[in-house]
Structure formats: C-alpha cells, structure tokens
Amino acid sequence: METPVLHGIKYNVHTVFQHHTPEKLKTISENLAIPVHLLLLNLDGNMNIAMSIRTAAVLGCSDVWIVGRRKYDARPEVGARHYIRIHKMESVDPATFFAEQGLQPILVEQGGTSLDEMRFAPYIKNPTPVCFVMGSESHGISPEWMSILSGEPRVSISQYGMIRSLNVSIAASIVLYEFMKQYKAISAYASS
C-alpha cells in the first residue's frame, strides 16, 4: 500500500521514517522534540521566518512563536511546519507571556554572554523549557522588551568581521545547534 503524502512532505523526513503517514510523522516529531522554543519578534523578511522555522524543526525544537508578523512566504520551510508547532500572535506582553507559557526566556542579542562561554546546563536540567528570543536584524530586540526582560539571560554570537549582525535565521541556527549539542551531551551523561 502506498503511503499517503501530504503536499510532498514524505521526502522531507529521514528515509527510515518515510513509510509513515503524515499524522504518524507529526506524532514521532513531537515525541522527539527537545524542550526548547524559538520566539521570532517583529522579524523583517519572509525568508527569515520560514528558514528559522525549518532550522527549529531540523534541530528538534517543539515550538516556534511568531510575534508581530502573521503572514510570510512559507516556501523556504520546505514542509517543516508539518513537524513543529507554530504559534502566530500579533503581540504579546513580555512581562507575563513567558510565565503564562511556562518558558524560560533567553535573549539572543548583542552584549550578552558569548555563546562560546555559555553553559546551558542549568536551563537544560530545569524542567522549564527554554525559549530563545530573536529580534529583527535591523533593530534587534526592542528596548521595551530588553528593559522588561533585563534580568533574563542574554547570549551573543562572537563576531569577527565588519558586518554588525548575522542574518536572523543563521543566528537562530547557530544558537539552537549549540543548545542541542549541550542538551544531547547532558542527556547522554544522565542516561549512562
């Protein structure tokens, strides 16, 4: 019997999973997800949103929050939206949002702890899922959000060239990869 295919998504998953139905693939993805969310705040450009969603799905995030921009060109996701929960919101109150959602925000912004030196172990061992907050390339995270969340951890990616900032989806990829790497190492150590 031929496996049902939803808009060609069958080939977006690892070969060993391709015989499953899209519904089963979604369940497997949810069960494999690590307790980390990505919040995209007032991003410019369709590609940043869609590529960040794809990165989050590839690296095992459970949820992506899109705040401030509800429409975007989903083509660069290449079907990733079928394997991750996506929440679109016009606005949120940073003073209450993270507590209401049971999330630990970590701001991805210049002036924070270098990602090279950031140890995520205390956040990984804590049952509260992490939520990385990414602002727009041009303006970063708004001053209002920075003020309200001033006591929360902030991580920065070391830069050596002349350009002021990375593309948002690339920055999300780097930070999420480092988190996932540390998460896997801690999980492997805990299970041995």
Protein backbone atom coordinates (compact mmCIF):
# COMPACT_ATOMS: atom_id res chain seq x y z
CA MET A 1 0.00 0.00 0.00
CA GLU A 2 1.31 3.46 -0.93
CA THR A 3 2.00 5.83 1.97
CA PRO A 4 -0.26 8.91 1.81
CA VAL A 5 1.76 12.03 1.05
CA LEU A 6 0.69 15.48 2.19
CA HIS A 7 1.99 18.05 -0.31
CA GLY A 8 5.20 16.09 -0.93
CA ILE A 9 6.35 16.16 2.71
CA LYS A 10 7.19 12.44 2.68
CA TYR A 11 10.69 13.15 1.36
CA ASN A 12 11.47 15.85 3.93
CA VAL A 13 11.99 13.23 6.63
CA HIS A 14 14.77 10.71 7.18
CA THR A 15 14.46 7.64 4.94
CA VAL A 16 13.67 5.30 7.84
CA PHE A 17 10.51 7.31 8.59
CA GLN A 18 9.21 7.74 5.03
CA HIS A 19 6.81 4.79 5.22
CA HIS A 20 4.76 6.50 7.97
CA THR A 21 1.67 8.59 7.40
CA PRO A 22 1.98 12.38 7.87
CA GLU A 23 -0.06 12.09 11.08
CA LYS A 24 2.31 9.45 12.48
CA LEU A 25 5.32 11.56 11.44
CA LYS A 26 3.90 14.53 13.36
CA THR A 27 3.49 12.35 16.47
CA ILE A 28 7.03 10.99 16.17
CA SER A 29 8.37 14.53 15.73
CA GLU A 30 6.52 15.76 18.82
CA ASN A 31 7.89 12.85 20.87
CA LEU A 32 11.46 13.50 19.72
CA ALA A 33 11.32 17.29 20.29
CA ILE A 34 13.59 18.76 22.92
CA PRO A 35 12.18 21.27 25.44
CA VAL A 36 13.19 24.41 23.58
CA HIS A 37 11.12 27.07 21.83
CA LEU A 38 12.05 29.84 19.42
CA LEU A 39 10.32 33.24 19.53
CA LEU A 40 10.71 35.43 16.44
CA LEU A 41 9.93 39.02 17.38
CA ASN A 42 8.94 41.54 14.68
CA LEU A 43 11.14 40.00 12.02
CA ASP A 44 11.70 41.62 8.67
CA GLY A 45 11.60 39.46 5.58
CA ASN A 46 9.73 36.31 4.74
CA MET A 47 12.85 34.21 4.38
CA ASN A 48 14.00 34.80 7.97
CA ILE A 49 10.74 33.46 9.38
CA ALA A 50 10.44 30.42 7.12
CA MET A 51 14.10 29.46 7.35
CA SER A 52 14.06 29.87 11.15
CA ILE A 53 11.07 27.52 11.32
CA ARG A 54 12.92 24.96 9.20
CA THR A 55 16.02 25.25 11.39
CA ALA A 56 13.92 24.85 14.55
CA ALA A 57 12.26 21.73 13.13
CA VAL A 58 15.57 20.20 11.98
CA LEU A 59 17.20 20.82 15.38
CA GLY A 60 14.28 19.37 17.35
CA CYS A 61 12.52 22.42 18.81
CA SER A 62 8.99 21.80 19.97
CA ASP A 63 7.51 25.23 19.18
CA VAL A 64 8.07 28.43 17.22
CA TRP A 65 6.32 31.65 18.21
CA ILE A 66 5.94 34.34 15.54
CA VAL A 67 5.11 37.66 17.16
CA GLY A 68 4.22 40.81 15.25
CA ARG A 69 4.02 39.40 11.74
CA ARG A 70 1.44 36.83 10.88
CA LYS A 71 1.92 36.40 7.13
CA TYR A 72 5.08 35.20 5.45
CA ASP A 73 6.16 33.18 2.44
CA ALA A 74 6.28 29.60 3.74
CA ARG A 75 8.09 28.08 0.75
CA PRO A 76 11.56 28.09 2.38
CA GLU A 77 10.14 25.97 5.22
CA VAL A 78 10.01 23.08 2.73
CA GLY A 79 7.25 21.40 4.75
CA ALA A 80 8.86 21.91 8.18
CA ARG A 81 5.62 23.37 9.54
CA HIS A 82 4.17 19.85 9.50
CA TYR A 83 6.63 18.74 12.19
CA ILE A 84 6.66 21.60 14.68
CA ARG A 85 4.02 23.65 16.49
CA ILE A 86 3.83 27.20 15.14
CA HIS A 87 2.03 29.96 17.02
CA LYS A 88 1.30 33.29 15.30
CA MET A 89 0.47 36.25 17.51
CA GLU A 90 0.02 39.93 16.76
CA SER A 91 1.62 40.92 20.06
CA VAL A 92 2.45 39.57 23.50
CA ASP A 93 3.23 41.19 26.83
CA PRO A 94 6.81 40.18 27.67
CA ALA A 95 6.12 40.88 31.36
CA THR A 96 3.63 37.99 31.54
CA PHE A 97 3.98 35.87 28.40
CA PHE A 98 6.86 33.61 29.47
CA ALA A 99 5.38 32.86 32.90
CA GLU A 100 1.96 32.17 31.33
CA GLN A 101 3.52 29.77 28.83
CA GLY A 102 5.86 28.19 31.39
CA LEU A 103 9.01 29.22 29.49
CA GLN A 104 12.48 30.47 30.45
CA PRO A 105 13.42 33.27 28.03
CA ILE A 106 16.99 33.57 26.81
CA LEU A 107 17.57 36.68 24.73
CA VAL A 108 19.77 36.36 21.65
CA GLU A 109 21.20 39.85 21.42
CA GLN A 110 24.48 41.68 21.32
CA GLY A 111 26.14 42.40 24.66
CA GLY A 112 25.35 39.06 26.27
CA THR A 113 27.41 36.08 27.35
CA SER A 114 29.40 34.78 24.42
CA LEU A 115 27.88 31.60 23.01
CA ASP A 116 31.40 30.11 23.22
CA GLU A 117 31.23 30.51 27.01
CA MET A 118 27.51 29.93 27.60
CA ARG A 119 26.73 26.82 29.59
CA PHE A 120 23.10 25.82 29.13
CA ALA A 121 23.27 23.01 31.73
CA PRO A 122 21.27 24.88 34.43
CA TYR A 123 18.49 25.53 31.91
CA ILE A 124 18.60 22.03 30.44
CA LYS A 125 18.36 20.44 33.90
CA ASN A 126 15.49 22.76 34.88
CA PRO A 127 12.05 21.40 33.92
CA THR A 128 11.05 24.81 32.49
CA PRO A 129 11.61 24.78 28.71
CA VAL A 130 13.92 27.41 27.25
CA CYS A 131 12.61 29.98 24.75
CA PHE A 132 15.23 31.75 22.64
CA VAL A 133 14.05 35.26 21.72
CA MET A 134 15.27 36.63 18.39
CA GLY A 135 14.66 40.21 17.27
CA SER A 136 14.86 41.75 13.82
CA GLU A 137 18.19 42.15 12.05
CA SER A 138 17.86 45.92 11.80
CA HIS A 139 16.72 46.70 15.34
CA GLY A 140 17.31 43.58 17.41
CA ILE A 141 15.02 43.01 20.37
CA SER A 142 13.11 46.18 21.13
CA PRO A 143 14.29 48.43 24.01
CA GLU A 144 10.92 47.84 25.73
CA TRP A 145 11.42 44.06 25.70
CA MET A 146 15.06 44.45 26.75
CA SER A 147 14.00 46.60 29.70
CA ILE A 148 11.22 44.26 30.85
CA LEU A 149 13.44 41.19 30.44
CA SER A 150 16.64 42.81 31.73
CA GLY A 151 17.12 40.17 34.43
CA GLU A 152 16.90 37.28 31.98
CA PRO A 153 19.94 35.58 30.45
CA ARG A 154 21.33 37.02 27.24
CA VAL A 155 23.57 35.19 24.79
CA SER A 156 25.58 36.64 21.90
CA ILE A 157 27.38 35.09 18.97
CA SER A 158 31.01 36.19 18.70
CA GLN A 159 31.68 38.12 15.51
CA TYR A 160 35.00 38.85 13.89
CA GLY A 161 34.16 40.62 10.63
CA MET A 162 32.98 44.14 9.84
CA ILE A 163 29.26 43.40 9.47
CA ARG A 164 27.24 44.30 12.57
CA SER A 165 24.92 41.29 12.73
CA LEU A 166 24.14 37.88 11.30
CA ASN A 167 21.03 37.02 9.36
CA VAL A 168 18.35 36.11 11.94
CA SER A 169 17.80 32.60 10.62
CA ILE A 170 21.56 31.94 10.63
CA ALA A 171 21.89 33.29 14.18
CA ALA A 172 18.98 31.07 15.26
CA SER A 173 20.70 28.09 13.63
CA ILE A 174 23.96 28.71 15.48
CA VAL A 175 22.36 29.22 18.90
CA LEU A 176 19.91 26.32 18.56
CA TYR A 177 22.68 24.00 17.36
CA GLU A 178 24.85 24.83 20.37
CA PHE A 179 21.90 24.33 22.73
CA MET A 180 21.03 21.00 21.08
CA LYS A 181 24.68 19.88 21.27
CA GLN A 182 24.83 20.64 25.00
CA TYR A 183 21.37 19.09 25.53
CA LYS A 184 22.45 15.84 23.87
CA ALA A 185 25.69 15.69 25.88
CA ILE A 186 23.85 16.22 29.19
CA SER A 187 21.12 13.73 28.26
CA ALA A 188 23.70 11.10 27.26
CA TYR A 189 25.60 11.64 30.54
CA ALA A 190 22.38 11.42 32.60
CA SER A 191 21.34 8.15 30.94
CA SER A 192 24.74 6.45 31.38
